[in-house]
PDB file of N, CA and C in Angstrom:
ATOM      1  N   UNK A   1     -43.382  20.439  76.917  1.00  0.00           N
ATOM      2  CA  UNK A   1     -43.835  19.193  76.334  1.00  0.00           C
ATOM      3  C   UNK A   1     -44.244  18.251  77.468  1.00  0.00           C
ATOM      4  N   UNK A   2     -45.420  17.637  77.329  1.00  0.00           N
ATOM      5  CA  UNK A   2     -45.915  16.769  78.402  1.00  0.00           C
ATOM      6  C   UNK A   2     -45.143  15.449  78.427  1.00  0.00           C
ATOM      7  N   UNK A   3     -45.237  14.752  79.546  1.00  0.00           N
ATOM      8  CA  UNK A   3     -44.541  13.488  79.738  1.00  0.00           C
ATOM      9  C   UNK A   3     -45.011  12.435  78.739  1.00  0.00           C
ATOM     10  N   UNK A   4     -46.323  12.370  78.486  1.00  0.00           N
ATOM     11  CA  UNK A   4     -46.846  11.362  77.554  1.00  0.00           C
ATOM     12  C   UNK A   4     -46.395  11.640  76.115  1.00  0.00           C
ATOM     13  N   UNK A   5     -46.295  12.902  75.758  1.00  0.00           N
ATOM     14  CA  UNK A   5     -45.811  13.252  74.419  1.00  0.00           C
ATOM     15  C   UNK A   5     -44.344  12.846  74.283  1.00  0.00           C
ATOM     16  N   UNK A   6     -43.556  13.109  75.330  1.00  0.00           N
ATOM     17  CA  UNK A   6     -42.139  12.719  75.324  1.00  0.00           C
ATOM     18  C   UNK A   6     -41.989  11.204  75.216  1.00  0.00           C
ATOM     19  N   UNK A   7     -42.817  10.458  75.977  1.00  0.00           N
ATOM     20  CA  UNK A   7     -42.760   8.995  75.937  1.00  0.00           C
ATOM     21  C   UNK A   7     -43.109   8.478  74.542  1.00  0.00           C
ATOM     22  N   UNK A   8     -44.125   9.087  73.931  1.00  0.00           N
ATOM     23  CA  UNK A   8     -44.509   8.699  72.567  1.00  0.00           C
ATOM     24  C   UNK A   8     -43.382   8.979  71.576  1.00  0.00           C
ATOM     25  N   UNK A   9     -42.718  10.103  71.760  1.00  0.00           N
ATOM     26  CA  UNK A   9     -41.602  10.466  70.889  1.00  0.00           C
ATOM     27  C   UNK A   9     -40.455   9.466  71.043  1.00  0.00           C
ATOM     28  N   UNK A  10     -40.168   9.088  72.284  1.00  0.00           N
ATOM     29  CA  UNK A  10     -39.107   8.109  72.547  1.00  0.00           C
ATOM     30  C   UNK A  10     -39.470   6.767  71.927  1.00  0.00           C
ATOM     31  N   UNK A  11     -40.724   6.315  72.105  1.00  0.00           N
ATOM     32  CA  UNK A  11     -41.179   5.042  71.525  1.00  0.00           C
ATOM     33  C   UNK A  11     -41.076   5.076  70.003  1.00  0.00           C
ATOM     34  N   UNK A  12     -41.451   6.208  69.418  1.00  0.00           N
ATOM     35  CA  UNK A  12     -41.376   6.352  67.969  1.00  0.00           C
ATOM     36  C   UNK A  12     -39.925   6.235  67.494  1.00  0.00           C
ATOM     37  N   UNK A  13     -39.021   6.905  68.183  1.00  0.00           N
ATOM     38  CA  UNK A  13     -37.602   6.839  67.812  1.00  0.00           C
ATOM     39  C   UNK A  13     -37.054   5.430  67.983  1.00  0.00           C
ATOM     40  N   UNK A  14     -37.474   4.729  69.042  1.00  0.00           N
ATOM     41  CA  UNK A  14     -37.042   3.342  69.254  1.00  0.00           C
ATOM     42  C   UNK A  14     -37.568   2.440  68.140  1.00  0.00           C
ATOM     43  N   UNK A  15     -38.798   2.692  67.723  1.00  0.00           N
ATOM     44  CA  UNK A  15     -39.415   1.919  66.638  1.00  0.00           C
ATOM     45  C   UNK A  15     -38.631   2.114  65.337  1.00  0.00           C
ATOM     46  N   UNK A  16     -38.335   3.366  65.022  1.00  0.00           N
ATOM     47  CA  UNK A  16     -37.564   3.675  63.813  1.00  0.00           C
ATOM     48  C   UNK A  16     -36.192   3.000  63.875  1.00  0.00           C
ATOM     49  N   UNK A  17     -35.532   3.081  65.015  1.00  0.00           N
ATOM     50  CA  UNK A  17     -34.202   2.470  65.190  1.00  0.00           C
ATOM     51  C   UNK A  17     -34.265   0.955  64.992  1.00  0.00           C
ATOM     52  N   UNK A  18     -35.282   0.316  65.565  1.00  0.00           N
ATOM     53  CA  UNK A  18     -35.430  -1.135  65.422  1.00  0.00           C
ATOM     54  C   UNK A  18     -35.652  -1.522  63.959  1.00  0.00           C
ATOM     55  N   UNK A  19     -36.459  -0.758  63.248  1.00  0.00           N
ATOM     56  CA  UNK A  19     -36.701  -1.029  61.826  1.00  0.00           C
ATOM     57  C   UNK A  19     -35.419  -0.806  61.027  1.00  0.00           C
ATOM     58  N   UNK A  20     -34.677   0.253  61.333  1.00  0.00           N
ATOM     59  CA  UNK A  20     -33.406   0.499  60.648  1.00  0.00           C
ATOM     60  C   UNK A  20     -32.418  -0.633  60.893  1.00  0.00           C
ATOM     61  N   UNK A  21     -32.351  -1.132  62.134  1.00  0.00           N
ATOM     62  CA  UNK A  21     -31.459  -2.248  62.451  1.00  0.00           C
ATOM     63  C   UNK A  21     -31.844  -3.491  61.647  1.00  0.00           C
ATOM     64  N   UNK A  22     -33.150  -3.780  61.581  1.00  0.00           N
ATOM     65  CA  UNK A  22     -33.628  -4.927  60.819  1.00  0.00           C
ATOM     66  C   UNK A  22     -33.262  -4.775  59.346  1.00  0.00           C
ATOM     67  N   UNK A  23     -33.493  -3.593  58.799  1.00  0.00           N
ATOM     68  CA  UNK A  23     -33.179  -3.354  57.387  1.00  0.00           C
ATOM     69  C   UNK A  23     -31.673  -3.451  57.131  1.00  0.00           C
ATOM     70  N   UNK A  24     -30.859  -3.034  58.081  1.00  0.00           N
ATOM     71  CA  UNK A  24     -29.411  -3.128  57.927  1.00  0.00           C
ATOM     72  C   UNK A  24     -28.977  -4.589  57.845  1.00  0.00           C
ATOM     73  N   UNK A  25     -29.552  -5.429  58.687  1.00  0.00           N
ATOM     74  CA  UNK A  25     -29.141  -6.834  58.748  1.00  0.00           C
ATOM     75  C   UNK A  25     -29.772  -7.656  57.622  1.00  0.00           C
ATOM     76  N   UNK A  26     -31.040  -7.421  57.306  1.00  0.00           N
ATOM     77  CA  UNK A  26     -31.751  -8.265  56.345  1.00  0.00           C
ATOM     78  C   UNK A  26     -32.097  -7.574  55.034  1.00  0.00           C
ATOM     79  N   UNK A  27     -31.926  -6.256  54.983  1.00  0.00           N
ATOM     80  CA  UNK A  27     -32.350  -5.510  53.809  1.00  0.00           C
ATOM     81  C   UNK A  27     -31.425  -5.683  52.626  1.00  0.00           C
ATOM     82  N   UNK A  28     -31.836  -5.128  51.532  1.00  0.00           N
ATOM     83  CA  UNK A  28     -31.044  -5.202  50.317  1.00  0.00           C
ATOM     84  C   UNK A  28     -31.539  -6.314  49.413  1.00  0.00           C
ATOM     85  N   UNK A  29     -30.934  -6.393  48.288  1.00  0.00           N
ATOM     86  CA  UNK A  29     -31.371  -7.306  47.232  1.00  0.00           C
ATOM     87  C   UNK A  29     -30.959  -8.749  47.489  1.00  0.00           C
ATOM     88  N   UNK A  30     -29.874  -8.986  48.235  1.00  0.00           N
ATOM     89  CA  UNK A  30     -29.255 -10.304  48.242  1.00  0.00           C
ATOM     90  C   UNK A  30     -29.319 -11.089  49.544  1.00  0.00           C
ATOM     91  N   UNK A  31     -29.461 -10.430  50.680  1.00  0.00           N
ATOM     92  CA  UNK A  31     -29.315 -11.152  51.957  1.00  0.00           C
ATOM     93  C   UNK A  31     -30.323 -12.278  52.136  1.00  0.00           C
ATOM     94  N   UNK A  32     -31.607 -12.009  51.947  1.00  0.00           N
ATOM     95  CA  UNK A  32     -32.604 -13.060  52.108  1.00  0.00           C
ATOM     96  C   UNK A  32     -32.456 -14.162  51.054  1.00  0.00           C
ATOM     97  N   UNK A  33     -32.171 -13.841  49.785  1.00  0.00           N
ATOM     98  CA  UNK A  33     -31.916 -14.933  48.835  1.00  0.00           C
ATOM     99  C   UNK A  33     -30.725 -15.808  49.229  1.00  0.00           C
ATOM    100  N   UNK A  34     -29.680 -15.219  49.794  1.00  0.00           N
ATOM    101  CA  UNK A  34     -28.523 -16.012  50.248  1.00  0.00           C
ATOM    102  C   UNK A  34     -28.952 -16.924  51.390  1.00  0.00           C
ATOM    103  N   UNK A  35     -29.687 -16.388  52.342  1.00  0.00           N
ATOM    104  CA  UNK A  35     -30.181 -17.204  53.456  1.00  0.00           C
ATOM    105  C   UNK A  35     -31.048 -18.344  52.931  1.00  0.00           C
ATOM    106  N   UNK A  36     -31.960 -18.025  52.015  1.00  0.00           N
ATOM    107  CA  UNK A  36     -32.848 -19.057  51.460  1.00  0.00           C
ATOM    108  C   UNK A  36     -32.067 -20.130  50.705  1.00  0.00           C
ATOM    109  N   UNK A  37     -31.041 -19.729  49.989  1.00  0.00           N
ATOM    110  CA  UNK A  37     -30.217 -20.685  49.254  1.00  0.00           C
ATOM    111  C   UNK A  37     -29.542 -21.667  50.207  1.00  0.00           C
ATOM    112  N   UNK A  38     -28.955 -21.137  51.266  1.00  0.00           N
ATOM    113  CA  UNK A  38     -28.287 -22.003  52.248  1.00  0.00           C
ATOM    114  C   UNK A  38     -29.323 -22.882  52.943  1.00  0.00           C
ATOM    115  N   UNK A  39     -30.450 -22.307  53.290  1.00  0.00           N
ATOM    116  CA  UNK A  39     -31.526 -23.050  53.944  1.00  0.00           C
ATOM    117  C   UNK A  39     -31.995 -24.224  53.065  1.00  0.00           C
ATOM    118  N   UNK A  40     -31.985 -24.012  51.756  1.00  0.00           N
ATOM    119  CA  UNK A  40     -32.417 -25.048  50.812  1.00  0.00           C
ATOM    120  C   UNK A  40     -31.329 -26.067  50.502  1.00  0.00           C
ATOM    121  N   UNK A  41     -30.217 -26.011  51.221  1.00  0.00           N
ATOM    122  CA  UNK A  41     -29.219 -27.063  51.093  1.00  0.00           C
ATOM    123  C   UNK A  41     -27.938 -26.703  50.373  1.00  0.00           C
ATOM    124  N   UNK A  42     -27.826 -25.508  49.875  1.00  0.00           N
ATOM    125  CA  UNK A  42     -26.587 -25.090  49.216  1.00  0.00           C
ATOM    126  C   UNK A  42     -25.590 -24.664  50.285  1.00  0.00           C
ATOM    127  N   UNK A  43     -24.529 -25.445  50.445  1.00  0.00           N
ATOM    128  CA  UNK A  43     -23.579 -25.199  51.535  1.00  0.00           C
ATOM    129  C   UNK A  43     -22.273 -24.575  51.069  1.00  0.00           C
ATOM    130  N   UNK A  44     -21.917 -24.765  49.821  1.00  0.00           N
ATOM    131  CA  UNK A  44     -20.632 -24.284  49.332  1.00  0.00           C
ATOM    132  C   UNK A  44     -20.836 -23.026  48.490  1.00  0.00           C
ATOM    133  N   UNK A  45     -19.786 -22.213  48.428  1.00  0.00           N
ATOM    134  CA  UNK A  45     -19.847 -20.908  47.763  1.00  0.00           C
ATOM    135  C   UNK A  45     -20.421 -21.014  46.351  1.00  0.00           C
ATOM    136  N   UNK A  46     -19.848 -21.899  45.534  1.00  0.00           N
ATOM    137  CA  UNK A  46     -20.299 -22.003  44.132  1.00  0.00           C
ATOM    138  C   UNK A  46     -21.737 -22.477  44.022  1.00  0.00           C
ATOM    139  N   UNK A  47     -22.147 -23.376  44.926  1.00  0.00           N
ATOM    140  CA  UNK A  47     -23.544 -23.839  44.907  1.00  0.00           C
ATOM    141  C   UNK A  47     -24.492 -22.683  45.219  1.00  0.00           C
ATOM    142  N   UNK A  48     -24.113 -21.878  46.205  1.00  0.00           N
ATOM    143  CA  UNK A  48     -24.933 -20.715  46.568  1.00  0.00           C
ATOM    144  C   UNK A  48     -24.975 -19.737  45.392  1.00  0.00           C
ATOM    145  N   UNK A  49     -23.805 -19.444  44.830  1.00  0.00           N
ATOM    146  CA  UNK A  49     -23.712 -18.498  43.712  1.00  0.00           C
ATOM    147  C   UNK A  49     -24.556 -18.965  42.523  1.00  0.00           C
ATOM    148  N   UNK A  50     -24.493 -20.252  42.208  1.00  0.00           N
ATOM    149  CA  UNK A  50     -25.228 -20.777  41.057  1.00  0.00           C
ATOM    150  C   UNK A  50     -26.736 -20.815  41.283  1.00  0.00           C
ATOM    151  N   UNK A  51     -27.154 -20.813  42.537  1.00  0.00           N
ATOM    152  CA  UNK A  51     -28.587 -20.886  42.831  1.00  0.00           C
ATOM    153  C   UNK A  51     -29.276 -19.520  42.824  1.00  0.00           C
ATOM    154  N   UNK A  52     -28.489 -18.445  42.812  1.00  0.00           N
ATOM    155  CA  UNK A  52     -29.057 -17.090  42.878  1.00  0.00           C
ATOM    156  C   UNK A  52     -28.735 -16.357  41.575  1.00  0.00           C
ATOM    157  N   UNK A  53     -29.744 -16.162  40.730  1.00  0.00           N
ATOM    158  CA  UNK A  53     -29.499 -15.489  39.450  1.00  0.00           C
ATOM    159  C   UNK A  53     -28.900 -14.091  39.624  1.00  0.00           C
ATOM    160  N   UNK A  54     -27.887 -13.806  38.820  1.00  0.00           N
ATOM    161  CA  UNK A  54     -27.282 -12.471  38.700  1.00  0.00           C
ATOM    162  C   UNK A  54     -26.423 -12.014  39.872  1.00  0.00           C
ATOM    163  N   UNK A  55     -26.197 -12.834  40.887  1.00  0.00           N
ATOM    164  CA  UNK A  55     -25.329 -12.401  41.981  1.00  0.00           C
ATOM    165  C   UNK A  55     -23.876 -12.598  41.541  1.00  0.00           C
ATOM    166  N   UNK A  56     -23.040 -11.618  41.857  1.00  0.00           N
ATOM    167  CA  UNK A  56     -21.618 -11.733  41.517  1.00  0.00           C
ATOM    168  C   UNK A  56     -20.874 -12.365  42.686  1.00  0.00           C
ATOM    169  N   UNK A  57     -19.721 -12.928  42.404  1.00  0.00           N
ATOM    170  CA  UNK A  57     -18.909 -13.537  43.460  1.00  0.00           C
ATOM    171  C   UNK A  57     -18.521 -12.516  44.519  1.00  0.00           C
ATOM    172  N   UNK A  58     -18.208 -11.323  44.081  1.00  0.00           N
ATOM    173  CA  UNK A  58     -17.811 -10.266  45.014  1.00  0.00           C
ATOM    174  C   UNK A  58     -18.951  -9.919  45.974  1.00  0.00           C
ATOM    175  N   UNK A  59     -20.145  -9.776  45.430  1.00  0.00           N
ATOM    176  CA  UNK A  59     -21.316  -9.447  46.254  1.00  0.00           C
ATOM    177  C   UNK A  59     -21.634 -10.608  47.187  1.00  0.00           C
ATOM    178  N   UNK A  60     -21.595 -11.838  46.670  1.00  0.00           N
ATOM    179  CA  UNK A  60     -21.883 -12.996  47.509  1.00  0.00           C
ATOM    180  C   UNK A  60     -20.895 -13.082  48.665  1.00  0.00           C
ATOM    181  N   UNK A  61     -19.639 -12.870  48.376  1.00  0.00           N
ATOM    182  CA  UNK A  61     -18.617 -12.920  49.416  1.00  0.00           C
ATOM    183  C   UNK A  61     -18.905 -11.892  50.512  1.00  0.00           C
ATOM    184  N   UNK A  62     -19.249 -10.690  50.098  1.00  0.00           N
ATOM    185  CA  UNK A  62     -19.564  -9.609  51.043  1.00  0.00           C
ATOM    186  C   UNK A  62     -20.795  -9.952  51.877  1.00  0.00           C
ATOM    187  N   UNK A  63     -21.819 -10.472  51.233  1.00  0.00           N
ATOM    188  CA  UNK A  63     -23.053 -10.810  51.943  1.00  0.00           C
ATOM    189  C   UNK A  63     -22.833 -11.957  52.931  1.00  0.00           C
ATOM    190  N   UNK A  64     -22.060 -12.975  52.532  1.00  0.00           N
ATOM    191  CA  UNK A  64     -21.769 -14.086  53.436  1.00  0.00           C
ATOM    192  C   UNK A  64     -21.045 -13.591  54.684  1.00  0.00           C
ATOM    193  N   UNK A  65     -20.085 -12.692  54.471  1.00  0.00           N
ATOM    194  CA  UNK A  65     -19.339 -12.128  55.599  1.00  0.00           C
ATOM    195  C   UNK A  65     -20.278 -11.365  56.540  1.00  0.00           C
ATOM    196  N   UNK A  66     -21.157 -10.562  55.972  1.00  0.00           N
ATOM    197  CA  UNK A  66     -22.100  -9.768  56.751  1.00  0.00           C
ATOM    198  C   UNK A  66     -23.059 -10.665  57.532  1.00  0.00           C
ATOM    199  N   UNK A  67     -23.575 -11.703  56.875  1.00  0.00           N
ATOM    200  CA  UNK A  67     -24.504 -12.617  57.543  1.00  0.00           C
ATOM    201  C   UNK A  67     -23.814 -13.390  58.670  1.00  0.00           C
ATOM    202  N   UNK A  68     -22.546 -13.736  58.451  1.00  0.00           N
ATOM    203  CA  UNK A  68     -21.789 -14.425  59.496  1.00  0.00           C
ATOM    204  C   UNK A  68     -21.540 -13.494  60.685  1.00  0.00           C
ATOM    205  N   UNK A  69     -21.181 -12.247  60.417  1.00  0.00           N
ATOM    206  CA  UNK A  69     -20.949 -11.264  61.485  1.00  0.00           C
ATOM    207  C   UNK A  69     -22.203 -11.044  62.329  1.00  0.00           C
ATOM    208  N   UNK A  70     -23.376 -11.192  61.690  1.00  0.00           N
ATOM    209  CA  UNK A  70     -24.641 -10.982  62.390  1.00  0.00           C
ATOM    210  C   UNK A  70     -25.241 -12.291  62.904  1.00  0.00           C
ATOM    211  N   UNK A  71     -24.421 -13.336  62.939  1.00  0.00           N
ATOM    212  CA  UNK A  71     -24.757 -14.627  63.549  1.00  0.00           C
ATOM    213  C   UNK A  71     -25.915 -15.361  62.866  1.00  0.00           C
ATOM    214  N   UNK A  72     -26.156 -15.048  61.597  1.00  0.00           N
ATOM    215  CA  UNK A  72     -27.244 -15.698  60.867  1.00  0.00           C
ATOM    216  C   UNK A  72     -26.776 -16.949  60.135  1.00  0.00           C
ATOM    217  N   UNK A  73     -25.495 -17.001  59.803  1.00  0.00           N
ATOM    218  CA  UNK A  73     -24.934 -18.205  59.194  1.00  0.00           C
ATOM    219  C   UNK A  73     -23.622 -18.537  59.892  1.00  0.00           C
ATOM    220  N   UNK A  74     -23.233 -19.799  59.768  1.00  0.00           N
ATOM    221  CA  UNK A  74     -21.928 -20.195  60.295  1.00  0.00           C
ATOM    222  C   UNK A  74     -21.066 -20.638  59.120  1.00  0.00           C
ATOM    223  N   UNK A  75     -19.783 -20.485  59.283  1.00  0.00           N
ATOM    224  CA  UNK A  75     -18.809 -20.841  58.257  1.00  0.00           C
ATOM    225  C   UNK A  75     -17.878 -21.882  58.857  1.00  0.00           C
ATOM    226  N   UNK A  76     -17.781 -23.032  58.183  1.00  0.00           N
ATOM    227  CA  UNK A  76     -16.944 -24.114  58.675  1.00  0.00           C
ATOM    228  C   UNK A  76     -15.880 -24.439  57.640  1.00  0.00           C
ATOM    229  N   UNK A  77     -14.626 -24.464  58.098  1.00  0.00           N
ATOM    230  CA  UNK A  77     -13.515 -24.848  57.222  1.00  0.00           C
ATOM    231  C   UNK A  77     -13.272 -26.334  57.451  1.00  0.00           C
ATOM    232  N   UNK A  78     -13.386 -27.108  56.377  1.00  0.00           N
ATOM    233  CA  UNK A  78     -13.185 -28.555  56.455  1.00  0.00           C
ATOM    234  C   UNK A  78     -11.779 -28.849  55.955  1.00  0.00           C
ATOM    235  N   UNK A  79     -10.963 -29.333  56.870  1.00  0.00           N
ATOM    236  CA  UNK A  79      -9.538 -29.571  56.602  1.00  0.00           C
ATOM    237  C   UNK A  79      -9.370 -30.845  55.779  1.00  0.00           C
ATOM    238  N   UNK A  80      -9.584 -30.700  54.516  1.00  0.00           N
ATOM    239  CA  UNK A  80      -9.512 -31.792  53.561  1.00  0.00           C
ATOM    240  C   UNK A  80      -8.561 -31.341  52.470  1.00  0.00           C
ATOM    241  N   UNK A  81      -8.383 -32.148  51.462  1.00  0.00           N
ATOM    242  CA  UNK A  81      -7.604 -31.674  50.335  1.00  0.00           C
ATOM    243  C   UNK A  81      -8.462 -31.762  49.093  1.00  0.00           C
ATOM    244  N   UNK A  82      -8.794 -30.663  48.445  1.00  0.00           N
ATOM    245  CA  UNK A  82      -8.496 -29.295  48.892  1.00  0.00           C
ATOM    246  C   UNK A  82      -9.402 -28.892  50.064  1.00  0.00           C
ATOM    247  N   UNK A  83      -8.975 -27.859  50.758  1.00  0.00           N
ATOM    248  CA  UNK A  83      -9.750 -27.341  51.885  1.00  0.00           C
ATOM    249  C   UNK A  83     -11.119 -26.908  51.366  1.00  0.00           C
ATOM    250  N   UNK A  84     -12.164 -27.280  52.113  1.00  0.00           N
ATOM    251  CA  UNK A  84     -13.522 -26.891  51.731  1.00  0.00           C
ATOM    252  C   UNK A  84     -14.085 -25.955  52.783  1.00  0.00           C
ATOM    253  N   UNK A  85     -14.918 -25.051  52.321  1.00  0.00           N
ATOM    254  CA  UNK A  85     -15.620 -24.148  53.238  1.00  0.00           C
ATOM    255  C   UNK A  85     -17.108 -24.369  53.013  1.00  0.00           C
ATOM    256  N   UNK A  86     -17.817 -24.595  54.114  1.00  0.00           N
ATOM    257  CA  UNK A  86     -19.259 -24.798  54.031  1.00  0.00           C
ATOM    258  C   UNK A  86     -19.977 -23.801  54.934  1.00  0.00           C
ATOM    259  N   UNK A  87     -21.132 -23.387  54.465  1.00  0.00           N
ATOM    260  CA  UNK A  87     -21.966 -22.443  55.202  1.00  0.00           C
ATOM    261  C   UNK A  87     -23.232 -23.153  55.668  1.00  0.00           C
ATOM    262  N   UNK A  88     -23.732 -22.747  56.820  1.00  0.00           N
ATOM    263  CA  UNK A  88     -24.961 -23.321  57.357  1.00  0.00           C
ATOM    264  C   UNK A  88     -25.767 -22.228  58.048  1.00  0.00           C
ATOM    265  N   UNK A  89     -27.057 -22.443  58.087  1.00  0.00           N
ATOM    266  CA  UNK A  89     -27.973 -21.545  58.788  1.00  0.00           C
ATOM    267  C   UNK A  89     -27.835 -21.792  60.290  1.00  0.00           C
ATOM    268  N   UNK A  90     -27.820 -20.746  61.075  1.00  0.00           N
ATOM    269  CA  UNK A  90     -27.795 -20.897  62.530  1.00  0.00           C
ATOM    270  C   UNK A  90     -29.231 -20.994  63.054  1.00  0.00           C
ATOM    271  N   UNK A  91     -29.366 -21.469  64.277  1.00  0.00           N
ATOM    272  CA  UNK A  91     -30.696 -21.500  64.902  1.00  0.00           C
ATOM    273  C   UNK A  91     -31.277 -20.088  64.972  1.00  0.00           C
ATOM    274  N   UNK A  92     -30.415 -19.126  65.257  1.00  0.00           N
ATOM    275  CA  UNK A  92     -30.866 -17.724  65.327  1.00  0.00           C
ATOM    276  C   UNK A  92     -31.450 -17.272  63.994  1.00  0.00           C
ATOM    277  N   UNK A  93     -30.862 -17.731  62.897  1.00  0.00           N
ATOM    278  CA  UNK A  93     -31.340 -17.344  61.568  1.00  0.00           C
ATOM    279  C   UNK A  93     -32.770 -17.805  61.331  1.00  0.00           C
ATOM    280  N   UNK A  94     -33.136 -18.911  61.935  1.00  0.00           N
ATOM    281  CA  UNK A  94     -34.492 -19.431  61.740  1.00  0.00           C
ATOM    282  C   UNK A  94     -35.560 -18.452  62.234  1.00  0.00           C
ATOM    283  N   UNK A  95     -35.182 -17.529  63.114  1.00  0.00           N
ATOM    284  CA  UNK A  95     -36.144 -16.532  63.596  1.00  0.00           C
ATOM    285  C   UNK A  95     -36.484 -15.507  62.513  1.00  0.00           C
ATOM    286  N   UNK A  96     -35.699 -15.447  61.443  1.00  0.00           N
ATOM    287  CA  UNK A  96     -35.975 -14.468  60.385  1.00  0.00           C
ATOM    288  C   UNK A  96     -37.262 -14.787  59.621  1.00  0.00           C
ATOM    289  N   UNK A  97     -37.791 -16.009  59.776  1.00  0.00           N
ATOM    290  CA  UNK A  97     -39.053 -16.330  59.098  1.00  0.00           C
ATOM    291  C   UNK A  97     -40.174 -15.409  59.572  1.00  0.00           C
ATOM    292  N   UNK A  98     -40.030 -14.889  60.789  1.00  0.00           N
ATOM    293  CA  UNK A  98     -41.036 -13.970  61.322  1.00  0.00           C
ATOM    294  C   UNK A  98     -41.060 -12.660  60.535  1.00  0.00           C
ATOM    295  N   UNK A  99     -39.948 -12.363  59.880  1.00  0.00           N
ATOM    296  CA  UNK A  99     -39.853 -11.168  59.043  1.00  0.00           C
ATOM    297  C   UNK A  99     -40.104 -11.536  57.585  1.00  0.00           C
ATOM    298  N   UNK A 100     -39.501 -12.626  57.138  1.00  0.00           N
ATOM    299  CA  UNK A 100     -39.538 -13.000  55.718  1.00  0.00           C
ATOM    300  C   UNK A 100     -40.933 -13.427  55.254  1.00  0.00           C
ATOM    301  N   UNK A 101     -41.658 -14.180  56.061  1.00  0.00           N
ATOM    302  CA  UNK A 101     -42.980 -14.670  55.644  1.00  0.00           C
ATOM    303  C   UNK A 101     -43.949 -13.514  55.346  1.00  0.00           C
ATOM    304  N   UNK A 102     -44.078 -12.524  56.247  1.00  0.00           N
ATOM    305  CA  UNK A 102     -44.955 -11.399  55.910  1.00  0.00           C
ATOM    306  C   UNK A 102     -44.454 -10.589  54.712  1.00  0.00           C
ATOM    307  N   UNK A 103     -43.132 -10.514  54.540  1.00  0.00           N
ATOM    308  CA  UNK A 103     -42.594  -9.799  53.374  1.00  0.00           C
ATOM    309  C   UNK A 103     -42.971 -10.530  52.089  1.00  0.00           C
ATOM    310  N   UNK A 104     -42.887 -11.862  52.111  1.00  0.00           N
ATOM    311  CA  UNK A 104     -43.269 -12.648  50.934  1.00  0.00           C
ATOM    312  C   UNK A 104     -44.746 -12.427  50.608  1.00  0.00           C
ATOM    313  N   UNK A 105     -45.585 -12.504  51.627  1.00  0.00           N
ATOM    314  CA  UNK A 105     -47.021 -12.310  51.424  1.00  0.00           C
ATOM    315  C   UNK A 105     -47.312 -10.909  50.884  1.00  0.00           C
ATOM    316  N   UNK A 106     -46.678  -9.909  51.483  1.00  0.00           N
ATOM    317  CA  UNK A 106     -46.896  -8.536  51.026  1.00  0.00           C
ATOM    318  C   UNK A 106     -46.430  -8.381  49.583  1.00  0.00           C
ATOM    319  N   UNK A 107     -45.272  -8.961  49.260  1.00  0.00           N
ATOM    320  CA  UNK A 107     -44.735  -8.865  47.904  1.00  0.00           C
ATOM    321  C   UNK A 107     -45.664  -9.479  46.870  1.00  0.00           C
ATOM    322  N   UNK A 108     -46.242 -10.633  47.189  1.00  0.00           N
ATOM    323  CA  UNK A 108     -47.190 -11.283  46.272  1.00  0.00           C
ATOM    324  C   UNK A 108     -48.430 -10.416  46.089  1.00  0.00           C
ATOM    325  N   UNK A 109     -48.950  -9.894  47.197  1.00  0.00           N
ATOM    326  CA  UNK A 109     -50.128  -9.022  47.112  1.00  0.00           C
ATOM    327  C   UNK A 109     -49.825  -7.735  46.366  1.00  0.00           C
ATOM    328  N   UNK A 110     -48.645  -7.194  46.580  1.00  0.00           N
ATOM    329  CA  UNK A 110     -48.244  -5.970  45.891  1.00  0.00           C
ATOM    330  C   UNK A 110     -48.169  -6.197  44.388  1.00  0.00           C
ATOM    331  N   UNK A 111     -47.587  -7.322  43.987  1.00  0.00           N
ATOM    332  CA  UNK A 111     -47.490  -7.645  42.556  1.00  0.00           C
ATOM    333  C   UNK A 111     -48.872  -7.741  41.929  1.00  0.00           C
ATOM    334  N   UNK A 112     -49.806  -8.393  42.636  1.00  0.00           N
ATOM    335  CA  UNK A 112     -51.185  -8.468  42.135  1.00  0.00           C
ATOM    336  C   UNK A 112     -51.791  -7.080  42.001  1.00  0.00           C
ATOM    337  N   UNK A 113     -51.553  -6.259  43.009  1.00  0.00           N
ATOM    338  CA  UNK A 113     -52.138  -4.904  43.034  1.00  0.00           C
ATOM    339  C   UNK A 113     -51.643  -4.068  41.860  1.00  0.00           C
ATOM    340  N   UNK A 114     -50.328  -4.082  41.630  1.00  0.00           N
ATOM    341  CA  UNK A 114     -49.792  -3.216  40.568  1.00  0.00           C
ATOM    342  C   UNK A 114     -49.981  -3.805  39.178  1.00  0.00           C
ATOM    343  N   UNK A 115     -50.162  -5.131  39.088  1.00  0.00           N
ATOM    344  CA  UNK A 115     -50.351  -5.741  37.764  1.00  0.00           C
ATOM    345  C   UNK A 115     -51.830  -5.836  37.418  1.00  0.00           C
ATOM    346  N   UNK A 116     -52.700  -5.504  38.388  1.00  0.00           N
ATOM    347  CA  UNK A 116     -54.137  -5.502  38.140  1.00  0.00           C
ATOM    348  C   UNK A 116     -54.747  -6.886  38.102  1.00  0.00           C
ATOM    349  N   UNK A 117     -54.053  -7.884  38.663  1.00  0.00           N
ATOM    350  CA  UNK A 117     -54.591  -9.265  38.636  1.00  0.00           C
ATOM    351  C   UNK A 117     -55.225  -9.624  39.948  1.00  0.00           C
TER     352      UNK A 117
END
């Protein structure tokens, strides 16, 4: 196998890995809607849950934990009575618009394509 073929194979594998990593962090039905909800001002668990149709508390809890682990949101415990927990978008999370905006555009175009409009 030639050196250029090997380099192309390595680049291809790196590309696939990068896409898989992105899909792991941002993929699925709920992660981007949760981010968008928090971005739009919903800071508390119930506010986030109420803003996203059909999400269960269990799923929301899991997604919030995952997004926090990946540094996309921050979780702040406010020592009040009762104790409050608020979520916020991190500066790092704002970089996801580079992924989300083209996905939104593609999704709109795809809907037009399959609906014949």
